[in-house]
């Protein structure tokens, strides 16, 4: 289990979301800044998700948790879901 909270700092529908997250057990050394940019071109939307940690050590620690695999699995599931909408 991993508890966390956050707040949206910027919402520019439909192309940009910026939020910060803070884990209940703060192993990252502070807030994590997430920026999601959605860009449409020729009927396809590209999602660019940038994650900025409080330090390089925090980023490296997050990468060691298997976070990349978890995020990739989530995006793969989203892709499958979106294919059902076409």
C-alpha atoms as a PDB file:
ATOM      1  CA  UNK A   1       0.000   0.000   0.000  1.00  0.00           C
ATOM      2  CA  UNK A   2       1.114   3.519  -0.735  1.00  0.00           C
ATOM      3  CA  UNK A   3      -0.823   6.596   0.343  1.00  0.00           C
ATOM      4  CA  UNK A   4      -0.498   9.908  -1.378  1.00  0.00           C
ATOM      5  CA  UNK A   5      -2.267  13.177  -2.014  1.00  0.00           C
ATOM      6  CA  UNK A   6      -1.966  16.044  -4.412  1.00  0.00           C
ATOM      7  CA  UNK A   7      -3.454  19.103  -5.989  1.00  0.00           C
ATOM      8  CA  UNK A   8      -3.956  20.330  -9.535  1.00  0.00           C
ATOM      9  CA  UNK A   9      -1.985  23.499 -10.182  1.00  0.00           C
ATOM     10  CA  UNK A  10      -3.058  24.049 -13.750  1.00  0.00           C
ATOM     11  CA  UNK A  11      -5.891  22.782 -15.931  1.00  0.00           C
ATOM     12  CA  UNK A  12      -6.057  23.919 -19.535  1.00  0.00           C
ATOM     13  CA  UNK A  13      -8.727  21.695 -21.049  1.00  0.00           C
ATOM     14  CA  UNK A  14      -8.300  19.780 -23.203  1.00  0.00           C
ATOM     15  CA  UNK A  15      -4.538  19.949 -23.663  1.00  0.00           C
ATOM     16  CA  UNK A  16      -2.657  20.415 -20.363  1.00  0.00           C
ATOM     17  CA  UNK A  17      -2.814  19.194 -16.760  1.00  0.00           C
ATOM     18  CA  UNK A  18      -0.234  20.042 -14.112  1.00  0.00           C
ATOM     19  CA  UNK A  19      -0.396  18.549 -10.626  1.00  0.00           C
ATOM     20  CA  UNK A  20       1.798  17.911  -7.626  1.00  0.00           C
ATOM     21  CA  UNK A  21       1.840  14.749  -5.546  1.00  0.00           C
ATOM     22  CA  UNK A  22       3.212  14.049  -2.100  1.00  0.00           C
ATOM     23  CA  UNK A  23       3.487  10.559  -0.663  1.00  0.00           C
ATOM     24  CA  UNK A  24       2.243   9.953   2.888  1.00  0.00           C
ATOM     25  CA  UNK A  25       5.607   8.359   3.666  1.00  0.00           C
ATOM     26  CA  UNK A  26       7.738  10.948   1.900  1.00  0.00           C
ATOM     27  CA  UNK A  27      10.535   8.850   0.447  1.00  0.00           C
ATOM     28  CA  UNK A  28      10.975  11.244  -2.493  1.00  0.00           C
ATOM     29  CA  UNK A  29      12.093  14.264  -0.468  1.00  0.00           C
ATOM     30  CA  UNK A  30       9.216  16.534  -1.410  1.00  0.00           C
ATOM     31  CA  UNK A  31       6.568  17.120  -3.994  1.00  0.00           C
ATOM     32  CA  UNK A  32       6.565  15.433  -7.384  1.00  0.00           C
ATOM     33  CA  UNK A  33       5.483  17.667 -10.267  1.00  0.00           C
ATOM     34  CA  UNK A  34       3.522  15.987 -13.088  1.00  0.00           C
ATOM     35  CA  UNK A  35       2.782  17.628 -16.417  1.00  0.00           C
ATOM     36  CA  UNK A  36       0.509  15.941 -18.973  1.00  0.00           C
ATOM     37  CA  UNK A  37       0.300  17.468 -22.445  1.00  0.00           C
ATOM     38  CA  UNK A  38      -2.154  16.147 -25.036  1.00  0.00           C
ATOM     39  CA  UNK A  39      -1.418  17.082 -28.650  1.00  0.00           C
ATOM     40  CA  UNK A  40      -3.756  16.264 -31.542  1.00  0.00           C
ATOM     41  CA  UNK A  41      -2.440  15.877 -35.085  1.00  0.00           C
ATOM     42  CA  UNK A  42      -4.323  14.355 -38.021  1.00  0.00           C
ATOM     43  CA  UNK A  43      -6.938  12.760 -35.793  1.00  0.00           C
ATOM     44  CA  UNK A  44      -4.454  11.164 -33.373  1.00  0.00           C
ATOM     45  CA  UNK A  45      -3.658  12.363 -29.891  1.00  0.00           C
ATOM     46  CA  UNK A  46      -0.188  12.054 -28.387  1.00  0.00           C
ATOM     47  CA  UNK A  47       0.170  12.127 -24.593  1.00  0.00           C
ATOM     48  CA  UNK A  48       3.433  13.439 -23.155  1.00  0.00           C
ATOM     49  CA  UNK A  49       3.785  12.886 -19.402  1.00  0.00           C
ATOM     50  CA  UNK A  50       6.699  14.563 -17.620  1.00  0.00           C
ATOM     51  CA  UNK A  51       7.486  13.773 -13.978  1.00  0.00           C
ATOM     52  CA  UNK A  52       9.871  16.017 -12.026  1.00  0.00           C
ATOM     53  CA  UNK A  53      11.125  14.917  -8.623  1.00  0.00           C
ATOM     54  CA  UNK A  54      12.579  17.050  -5.846  1.00  0.00           C
ATOM     55  CA  UNK A  55      16.069  15.677  -6.554  1.00  0.00           C
ATOM     56  CA  UNK A  56      18.032  13.328  -8.776  1.00  0.00           C
ATOM     57  CA  UNK A  57      18.253  10.861  -5.878  1.00  0.00           C
ATOM     58  CA  UNK A  58      14.445  10.893  -5.552  1.00  0.00           C
ATOM     59  CA  UNK A  59      14.056  10.230  -9.278  1.00  0.00           C
ATOM     60  CA  UNK A  60      16.531   7.364  -9.157  1.00  0.00           C
ATOM     61  CA  UNK A  61      14.732   5.912  -6.127  1.00  0.00           C
ATOM     62  CA  UNK A  62      11.409   6.048  -7.958  1.00  0.00           C
ATOM     63  CA  UNK A  63      12.887   4.299 -10.980  1.00  0.00           C
ATOM     64  CA  UNK A  64      14.143   1.479  -8.742  1.00  0.00           C
ATOM     65  CA  UNK A  65      10.592   0.792  -7.531  1.00  0.00           C
ATOM     66  CA  UNK A  66       9.433  -0.582 -10.879  1.00  0.00           C
ATOM     67  CA  UNK A  67       7.443   2.564 -11.549  1.00  0.00           C
ATOM     68  CA  UNK A  68       8.245   2.482 -15.274  1.00  0.00           C
ATOM     69  CA  UNK A  69       6.715  -0.998 -15.642  1.00  0.00           C
ATOM     70  CA  UNK A  70       3.624   0.059 -13.715  1.00  0.00           C
ATOM     71  CA  UNK A  71       3.106   3.204 -15.755  1.00  0.00           C
ATOM     72  CA  UNK A  72       3.684   1.319 -19.002  1.00  0.00           C
ATOM     73  CA  UNK A  73       1.092  -1.278 -18.006  1.00  0.00           C
ATOM     74  CA  UNK A  74      -1.400   1.474 -17.214  1.00  0.00           C
ATOM     75  CA  UNK A  75      -0.843   3.169 -20.571  1.00  0.00           C
ATOM     76  CA  UNK A  76      -1.144  -0.195 -22.366  1.00  0.00           C
ATOM     77  CA  UNK A  77      -4.525  -0.738 -20.694  1.00  0.00           C
ATOM     78  CA  UNK A  78      -5.617   2.770 -21.631  1.00  0.00           C
ATOM     79  CA  UNK A  79      -4.615   2.106 -25.243  1.00  0.00           C
ATOM     80  CA  UNK A  80      -6.674  -1.093 -25.314  1.00  0.00           C
ATOM     81  CA  UNK A  81      -9.660   0.719 -23.846  1.00  0.00           C
ATOM     82  CA  UNK A  82      -9.418   3.578 -26.327  1.00  0.00           C
ATOM     83  CA  UNK A  83      -9.379   1.077 -29.203  1.00  0.00           C
ATOM     84  CA  UNK A  84     -12.813  -0.129 -28.090  1.00  0.00           C
ATOM     85  CA  UNK A  85     -14.196   3.385 -28.583  1.00  0.00           C
ATOM     86  CA  UNK A  86     -13.330   3.563 -32.282  1.00  0.00           C
END
